[in-house]
Protein backbone atom coordinates (compact mmCIF):
# COMPACT_ATOMS: atom_id res chain seq x y z
CA MET A 1 -95.50 -70.93 -225.27
CA SER A 2 -96.95 -73.97 -224.45
CA GLN A 3 -94.39 -74.03 -221.21
CA ALA A 4 -95.62 -70.73 -220.49
CA ILE A 5 -99.08 -71.27 -220.63
CA SER A 6 -98.92 -74.18 -218.32
CA ASN A 7 -97.32 -72.54 -215.46
CA THR A 8 -99.64 -69.43 -215.64
CA LYS A 9 -102.39 -72.40 -215.08
CA LYS A 10 -100.56 -73.86 -212.15
CA VAL A 11 -100.14 -70.25 -210.85
CA ALA A 12 -104.10 -70.06 -210.98
CA GLN A 13 -104.73 -73.53 -209.42
CA ALA A 14 -102.08 -72.70 -206.57
CA PRO A 15 -105.43 -70.80 -204.37
CA LYS A 16 -107.80 -73.38 -204.87
CA LEU A 17 -105.38 -76.45 -203.77
CA TYR A 18 -103.96 -74.19 -200.81
CA ALA A 19 -107.61 -74.22 -199.87
CA SER A 20 -108.77 -77.45 -200.21
CA ALA A 21 -105.61 -78.15 -198.15
CA ALA A 22 -107.02 -75.87 -195.39
CA LYS A 23 -110.60 -77.64 -195.95
CA ILE A 24 -108.79 -80.90 -195.02
CA ARG A 25 -106.89 -79.59 -192.07
CA GLY A 26 -110.28 -77.85 -190.59
CA ALA A 27 -112.23 -81.17 -191.09
CA THR A 28 -109.58 -82.05 -188.04
CA ASP A 29 -109.92 -79.11 -185.89
CA GLU A 30 -111.73 -79.91 -182.39
CA PRO A 31 -113.67 -77.56 -180.48
CA THR A 32 -111.71 -75.06 -178.53
CA TRP A 33 -112.98 -76.59 -175.20
CA VAL A 34 -111.87 -79.87 -176.15
CA LYS A 35 -108.07 -78.55 -176.93
CA TYR A 36 -107.91 -77.03 -173.61
CA LEU A 37 -109.27 -80.12 -171.73
CA LEU A 38 -106.50 -81.97 -173.55
CA ILE A 39 -103.46 -79.64 -172.95
CA ALA A 40 -105.21 -79.68 -169.15
CA THR A 41 -104.84 -83.61 -168.78
CA THR A 42 -101.50 -83.67 -170.23
CA ILE A 43 -99.95 -80.77 -167.56
CA GLY A 44 -101.93 -82.43 -164.85
CA PHE A 45 -100.75 -85.90 -165.62
CA LEU A 46 -97.33 -84.48 -166.33
CA THR A 47 -97.67 -82.81 -162.83
CA LEU A 48 -98.33 -85.69 -160.72
CA PHE A 49 -96.41 -87.93 -162.23
CA LEU A 50 -93.00 -86.06 -163.14
CA PHE A 51 -92.66 -82.79 -162.01
CA VAL A 52 -93.95 -83.56 -158.24
CA PRO A 53 -91.63 -86.60 -157.97
CA LEU A 54 -88.46 -84.73 -159.73
CA VAL A 55 -88.99 -81.48 -156.96
CA ALA A 56 -89.98 -84.17 -154.07
CA VAL A 57 -86.48 -85.52 -154.55
CA PHE A 58 -84.78 -82.48 -154.25
CA VAL A 59 -86.87 -80.85 -151.68
CA GLU A 60 -85.99 -84.18 -149.62
CA ALA A 61 -82.33 -83.81 -150.37
CA PHE A 62 -81.88 -80.24 -149.24
CA ARG A 63 -84.17 -80.84 -145.95
CA LYS A 64 -81.47 -80.22 -143.50
CA GLY A 65 -79.11 -77.94 -145.71
CA VAL A 66 -76.62 -77.53 -147.82
CA GLY A 67 -73.86 -79.17 -145.56
CA ALA A 68 -76.02 -82.30 -144.83
CA TYR A 69 -76.41 -82.82 -148.53
CA LEU A 70 -72.53 -82.29 -149.53
CA ALA A 71 -71.64 -84.62 -146.54
CA SER A 72 -73.64 -87.17 -148.55
CA PHE A 73 -71.08 -87.40 -150.83
CA SER A 74 -68.03 -87.53 -148.95
CA ASP A 75 -68.85 -91.14 -147.93
CA SER A 76 -66.64 -93.67 -148.98
CA SER A 77 -69.50 -95.58 -150.25
CA ALA A 78 -70.81 -93.19 -152.23
CA ILE A 79 -67.87 -92.01 -153.51
CA ALA A 80 -67.09 -95.76 -154.38
CA ALA A 81 -70.72 -96.39 -155.95
CA ILE A 82 -70.13 -93.35 -158.20
CA LYS A 83 -66.70 -94.31 -159.73
CA LEU A 84 -68.08 -97.84 -159.96
CA THR A 85 -71.17 -96.36 -161.88
CA LEU A 86 -69.34 -94.08 -164.34
CA ILE A 87 -66.54 -96.99 -164.82
CA THR A 88 -69.54 -99.15 -166.00
CA ALA A 89 -71.11 -96.80 -168.15
CA GLY A 90 -67.67 -96.03 -169.76
CA ILE A 91 -67.39 -99.45 -170.76
CA ALA A 92 -70.59 -100.20 -171.72
CA VAL A 93 -71.49 -97.23 -174.10
CA PRO A 94 -68.80 -97.29 -176.34
CA LEU A 95 -68.90 -100.85 -176.51
CA ASN A 96 -72.67 -100.47 -177.74
CA LEU A 97 -71.32 -97.75 -180.13
CA VAL A 98 -69.27 -99.83 -181.89
CA PHE A 99 -71.60 -102.61 -181.69
CA GLY A 100 -75.04 -100.30 -182.86
CA LEU A 101 -72.72 -99.54 -185.96
CA ALA A 102 -71.74 -102.17 -186.75
CA ALA A 103 -75.10 -103.85 -186.88
CA ALA A 104 -77.16 -101.26 -188.18
CA TRP A 105 -74.48 -101.02 -190.83
CA ALA A 106 -74.68 -104.48 -191.87
CA ILE A 107 -78.45 -104.89 -191.56
CA ALA A 108 -79.28 -101.29 -193.32
CA LYS A 109 -76.46 -101.81 -196.07
CA PHE A 110 -76.65 -105.52 -196.98
CA GLU A 111 -78.52 -108.63 -197.63
CA PHE A 112 -77.30 -112.15 -195.56
CA LEU A 113 -78.80 -114.98 -193.99
CA GLY A 114 -79.74 -114.35 -190.73
CA LYS A 115 -80.56 -110.82 -191.05
CA SER A 116 -84.12 -111.28 -189.64
CA PHE A 117 -82.81 -113.14 -186.75
CA LEU A 118 -80.45 -110.66 -186.18
CA ILE A 119 -82.80 -107.65 -185.90
CA THR A 120 -84.54 -109.73 -183.28
CA LEU A 121 -82.05 -110.27 -181.16
CA ILE A 122 -81.37 -106.34 -181.34
CA ASP A 123 -84.81 -106.09 -180.20
CA LEU A 124 -84.47 -108.96 -177.35
CA PRO A 125 -83.60 -106.48 -174.10
CA PHE A 126 -86.52 -104.70 -175.03
CA ALA A 127 -88.81 -107.77 -174.34
CA VAL A 128 -86.82 -109.16 -171.60
CA SER A 129 -87.08 -108.48 -168.26
CA PRO A 130 -83.89 -106.80 -166.87
CA VAL A 131 -83.86 -108.93 -163.39
CA ILE A 132 -84.30 -112.31 -165.62
CA SER A 133 -81.30 -111.11 -167.63
CA GLY A 134 -79.44 -110.63 -164.75
CA LEU A 135 -80.39 -114.24 -163.44
CA ILE A 136 -79.22 -115.42 -166.48
CA TYR A 137 -75.68 -114.42 -166.00
CA VAL A 138 -75.62 -115.87 -162.69
CA LEU A 139 -76.91 -119.20 -164.01
CA LEU A 140 -74.16 -119.34 -166.56
CA PHE A 141 -70.95 -117.38 -164.53
CA GLY A 142 -72.19 -117.94 -160.99
CA MET A 143 -70.54 -120.26 -158.93
CA GLN A 144 -73.55 -123.39 -159.55
CA GLY A 145 -73.90 -121.92 -163.35
CA TRP A 146 -72.75 -123.98 -166.24
CA LEU A 147 -69.18 -121.89 -166.36
CA GLY A 148 -68.90 -121.01 -162.45
CA PRO A 149 -66.62 -124.30 -161.52
CA TRP A 150 -64.44 -123.46 -164.24
CA LEU A 151 -63.84 -119.89 -163.91
CA GLU A 152 -63.63 -120.77 -160.13
CA SER A 153 -60.30 -122.91 -161.52
CA GLN A 154 -59.03 -120.15 -162.93
CA ASP A 155 -59.56 -117.32 -160.28
CA ILE A 156 -61.65 -115.75 -162.23
CA GLN A 157 -64.70 -113.71 -160.47
CA ILE A 158 -67.69 -112.08 -163.21
CA ILE A 159 -70.70 -112.57 -161.05
CA PHE A 160 -71.01 -110.34 -157.40
CA ALA A 161 -68.31 -108.36 -159.14
CA VAL A 162 -67.40 -105.45 -161.99
CA PRO A 163 -66.95 -108.11 -164.77
CA GLY A 164 -70.78 -109.12 -163.97
CA ILE A 165 -72.02 -105.45 -163.72
CA VAL A 166 -70.85 -104.51 -167.09
CA LEU A 167 -71.83 -107.29 -169.23
CA ALA A 168 -75.44 -106.75 -167.42
CA THR A 169 -75.62 -103.19 -168.39
CA ILE A 170 -74.07 -103.74 -171.90
CA PHE A 171 -77.24 -106.62 -172.63
CA VAL A 172 -80.00 -103.82 -171.13
CA THR A 173 -78.63 -100.98 -173.06
CA PHE A 174 -76.81 -102.35 -176.52
CA PRO A 175 -80.45 -101.96 -178.62
CA PHE A 176 -80.25 -97.84 -178.21
CA VAL A 177 -77.57 -96.99 -180.38
CA ALA A 178 -78.34 -99.64 -183.24
CA ARG A 179 -82.22 -98.86 -182.60
CA GLU A 180 -81.50 -95.06 -183.82
CA ILE A 181 -79.56 -95.58 -186.73
CA ILE A 182 -81.12 -98.60 -188.66
CA PRO A 183 -83.90 -97.08 -189.80
CA LEU A 184 -81.99 -93.77 -191.12
CA MET A 185 -79.84 -96.09 -192.89
CA GLN A 186 -82.82 -98.02 -194.12
CA GLU A 187 -84.00 -94.74 -195.32
CA GLN A 188 -80.56 -93.45 -196.85
CA GLY A 189 -80.33 -96.14 -199.29
CA THR A 190 -77.06 -97.53 -200.71
CA GLU A 191 -76.65 -94.72 -203.46
CA GLU A 192 -74.26 -92.61 -202.19
CA GLU A 193 -71.93 -95.27 -201.03
CA GLN A 194 -72.26 -97.07 -204.24
CA ALA A 195 -71.73 -93.42 -205.72
CA ALA A 196 -68.50 -93.25 -203.50
CA ILE A 197 -67.19 -96.82 -204.33
CA THR A 198 -67.54 -95.78 -208.20
CA LEU A 199 -65.35 -92.83 -207.68
CA GLY A 200 -62.66 -95.18 -206.03
CA ALA A 201 -63.11 -94.90 -202.79
CA SER A 202 -62.75 -98.29 -200.44
CA GLY A 203 -65.21 -99.82 -198.04
CA TRP A 204 -63.87 -97.73 -194.91
CA GLN A 205 -63.50 -94.80 -196.84
CA ALA A 206 -67.22 -94.68 -197.93
CA PHE A 207 -68.07 -95.76 -194.54
CA TRP A 208 -65.97 -93.01 -192.80
CA TYR A 209 -66.77 -89.97 -195.12
CA VAL A 210 -70.36 -90.85 -196.93
CA THR A 211 -72.25 -92.90 -193.90
CA LEU A 212 -71.17 -91.79 -190.76
CA PRO A 213 -71.48 -88.04 -191.36
CA ASN A 214 -75.31 -88.73 -192.52
CA VAL A 215 -76.06 -90.79 -189.31
CA ARG A 216 -73.84 -88.61 -186.83
CA TRP A 217 -76.89 -87.26 -185.11
CA ALA A 218 -78.88 -90.02 -184.79
CA LEU A 219 -75.48 -91.76 -183.68
CA LEU A 220 -75.29 -89.46 -180.97
CA TYR A 221 -78.98 -89.59 -179.95
CA GLY A 222 -78.52 -93.15 -179.39
CA VAL A 223 -75.45 -92.77 -177.47
CA ILE A 224 -77.22 -89.92 -174.67
CA LEU A 225 -80.00 -92.59 -174.45
CA CYS A 226 -77.63 -95.08 -174.04
CA ASN A 227 -75.32 -93.37 -171.59
CA ALA A 228 -78.72 -92.40 -169.30
CA ARG A 229 -79.75 -96.37 -169.10
CA ALA A 230 -76.42 -97.72 -168.75
CA MET A 231 -75.95 -94.91 -165.01
CA GLY A 232 -79.60 -95.74 -164.40
CA GLU A 233 -79.90 -99.48 -164.50
CA PHE A 234 -81.23 -101.17 -161.48
CA GLY A 235 -82.72 -104.55 -161.98
CA ALA A 236 -79.93 -106.56 -164.05
CA VAL A 237 -77.03 -104.85 -161.73
CA SER A 238 -78.75 -105.62 -158.90
CA VAL A 239 -79.02 -109.36 -159.34
CA VAL A 240 -75.57 -109.64 -160.46
CA SER A 241 -73.69 -107.35 -157.87
CA GLY A 242 -74.44 -109.00 -154.66
CA HIS A 243 -74.94 -105.48 -153.16
CA VAL A 244 -71.09 -105.27 -151.61
CA ARG A 245 -70.83 -102.02 -150.06
CA GLY A 246 -68.40 -100.04 -151.41
CA GLN A 247 -67.65 -102.47 -153.90
CA THR A 248 -70.27 -103.53 -156.32
CA ASN A 249 -73.45 -101.07 -155.45
CA THR A 250 -73.72 -98.62 -158.45
CA ILE A 251 -75.56 -95.34 -157.72
CA PRO A 252 -79.06 -97.06 -157.64
CA LEU A 253 -78.23 -99.79 -155.50
CA HIS A 254 -76.80 -97.08 -153.23
CA VAL A 255 -79.65 -95.21 -152.83
CA GLU A 256 -82.08 -98.63 -152.12
CA ILE A 257 -79.28 -99.40 -149.50
CA LEU A 258 -79.46 -95.89 -147.92
CA TYR A 259 -83.20 -95.53 -148.19
CA ASN A 260 -83.74 -99.28 -146.48
CA GLU A 261 -81.31 -97.83 -143.62
CA TYR A 262 -83.92 -94.65 -143.30
CA ASN A 263 -80.99 -92.11 -144.18
CA PHE A 264 -83.12 -90.43 -146.63
CA VAL A 265 -81.76 -87.34 -146.47
CA ALA A 266 -78.34 -88.84 -148.25
CA ALA A 267 -80.81 -91.12 -150.48
CA PHE A 268 -82.24 -88.30 -152.05
CA ALA A 269 -79.29 -86.62 -152.15
CA VAL A 270 -77.30 -89.22 -154.20
CA ALA A 271 -80.68 -89.71 -156.16
CA SER A 272 -80.29 -86.26 -157.47
CA LEU A 273 -77.35 -86.97 -158.95
CA LEU A 274 -79.43 -89.31 -161.16
CA ALA A 275 -82.22 -86.64 -161.44
CA LEU A 276 -79.40 -84.18 -162.65
CA LEU A 277 -78.50 -86.85 -165.37
CA ALA A 278 -82.24 -87.18 -166.31
CA LEU A 279 -82.31 -83.45 -166.91
CA VAL A 280 -79.08 -83.01 -168.69
CA THR A 281 -79.88 -85.80 -171.06
CA LEU A 282 -83.44 -84.55 -171.62
CA ALA A 283 -81.79 -80.93 -172.46
CA ALA A 284 -78.99 -82.95 -174.73
CA LYS A 285 -81.89 -85.17 -176.56
CA SER A 286 -83.69 -81.79 -177.33
CA ILE A 287 -80.81 -80.12 -178.68
CA VAL A 288 -80.15 -83.01 -180.83
CA GLU A 289 -83.77 -83.23 -181.88
CA ALA A 290 -83.25 -79.71 -183.18
CA ARG A 291 -80.26 -80.54 -184.97
CA ILE A 292 -81.79 -83.30 -186.51
CA HIS A 293 -84.91 -81.74 -187.89
CA SER A 294 -82.96 -78.43 -189.33
CA SER A 295 -80.23 -80.98 -190.90
CA THR A 296 -83.58 -82.46 -192.98
CA PRO A 297 -84.10 -80.11 -195.66
CA GLU A 298 -87.65 -81.54 -196.44
CA SER A 299 -90.85 -80.04 -195.29
CA LEU A 300 -93.71 -82.53 -194.00
CA GLU A 301 -96.09 -80.04 -194.81
CA PRO A 302 -98.35 -81.26 -197.95
CA THR A 303 -97.61 -79.73 -201.08
CA PRO A 304 -100.33 -78.54 -203.52
CA ALA A 305 -99.57 -81.75 -205.69
CA GLU A 306 -100.33 -84.19 -203.12
CA VAL A 307 -103.71 -82.51 -201.66
CA SER A 308 -104.75 -82.37 -205.10
CA ALA A 309 -103.80 -86.05 -205.57
């Protein structure tokens, strides 16, 4: 009986609680003209700095017709640049996926000495200029670097070759996967893994059947961002590549060479590949974000209890 009376009181108080929530939201409302001004400012900024340059790339690429556009990709140097870019991304992204999973699992699920230092190292590429990171590889593996004479004696070439490009790309892209899944793993805690181990699962089984499914969309999100950065990286790759045409030029470096040679149509045509990659990345990013939000059952709206508190 007392439970029924309590429920009746809660139902009676619900309109007041939701009214309080409405008042709270109303207190933060802005005048209509302010909303439209902010929207117009945002659209104007995006149009000037995003949409106009994007449209200009395709306009310049097709300025001399579709034939000239397609002919830009028949050049052997362009084909070599595309192949090298795909090879570099094909090596860097899987390695960063494995590293990101391992680092996130260790940081979120375990306590160990040096944990804060590891997190700092993961954030290092965000703080260091890509050009500086490329220069570090030159100082390490170049002819006049610390390991350069030994590498030369072993007939191993890293700088001005594909290995150096791959190393530089890995360095500038390895935070993306880890940084997407570390917060999610930390939020989820270790209860589910501990329950699985209590029921007889091994550590690998707990990871494969419990941890990994819980972070699969965040993991895919990080891989998408990592791949986009790997294929579009310019600064670090420019330092270690040597700009050997047809051998160590990726797509961004090939675009730079074409532009410096005043071959604008070919430069914008090849650049349109990167623009298309950006659009595909944006679409994939939006789809993954929608799946992440749809897989989260909790609502972000305040509950009556939270408003009354």
